[in-house]
């Protein structure tokens, strides 16, 4: 460095000493740093700012520490990713932040500035996320939420919300995701925050964190089940707040997807049916749609036996939602998916009950609607398989289908653009036409 550059750096260090503690002043100083970033690195100005964060600076000179944190926050807000990685990965910034958060008597302003600076670091990619986790800052954040050190001031609700937001950023990058240990640590803390007396502004972010954890399918069992996080989330399905209900249902739906591959490792709680029992017919339409989709996932992944649906009367409620009595089109469509899934997994012992409660009538009536191709194909598969698998009830099935007058619709679908739909309609028409011929003639035809 030249003498002029060195003198210029010294002048800036001196000007920082007399800088006021306003945000605008920190912005101006950070803007100058970014304009002369290479000069600041060569002149040691940025390491000089980090020196104010070392002990005993945060306690003896809190004003200088706050100024340094605000300048670094503004700098990391507007700098490039290259400069940010250089600051985080080549200096001891993360260790200094960890040491400050470990202080027993840390001013609230310094704590807020530390959390704001960490937010800029965590949103900048998985590499910096991993650096934050490895530095021990994640452990310190979790300790701030749960256990307060002796002599340390209690964490304010706004600070708790900011810590939860930081934890959300830790889990947000999934490719690659955080380590299993990091996910477990976060999952072990969340049950403490999930109680009905919790503030909604903290409860909702905690449930969103639980939802992110449930999306890491490879770590779902140790993170969701063994930490008892799943049992805590189930309670909030009955919350009076729709946004809380929605997050809880999403968590349960993600767990259902993983159950089929790992069903030997844990037992899916059957009490979920008791919680969602009253939401099938009552509540907001969007919540009813989510509940019906959740029931469909439970059936498809065989999380709970169908006998429990029958015992609790859920089958009748699903049939009512899928029938003409339902006024909301989205609810009826979601109930149609669920009812068809239930019919595909139906046991022979429940076929009579399935027909008596009007389930087959509701499925046949669904054919009159404009359906997605996948649902239409599933309905036709159900009608075909019910006649093939349950031969003793085939005449009853035919009677219901004729009673609902769906044969013209099936014949019209033979001209569908989908090959599977055309094939299934052709099979249904040919097989059921054979059933209408008197038995004597059918014997000759088979010969």
Foldseek 3Di string as FASTA:
>chain_A
DDPVLLVVLVVLVVVLVVQAQDLVSLLVNLVVCQVVVVSCVVNVVLVVLVVCLDPPNQPPPVSSVLSSLSNLLSNLVPHDLVVLCCVLVVDCNLLSLVVQLPDQEGDPSNLVSSLSSLVSQLQSDQVSLQSNVVSCVLVSLLCLLPPRDPNHDHDDPVNLLSSLVSLCSQLVDVVPHDDLVSLQSLLLSLLVQQDPVHDPSNNLSSLVSLLSSLQVLVNNCSRCPVSVVLVSLLVQCQPPDVSSVVSSLSSLLSNLVNCLVVVVPDADDPCSCVSCVVVCPDDDLVSNLSSLLSLQSCLQSVRDDCVSCVVSVVLLSLLCQLAPVNDDPSSNLSSLSSLLSCLVVDDPVCPVVCVVSPSLVSLLVCLVDDHDPVSLLSSLVSLVVCCVVVVVCNVVSVVSNVVSVNLVSLVVQCPPPDPSSVVSSVVVVVVVVLVPDDPVVSVVVVD
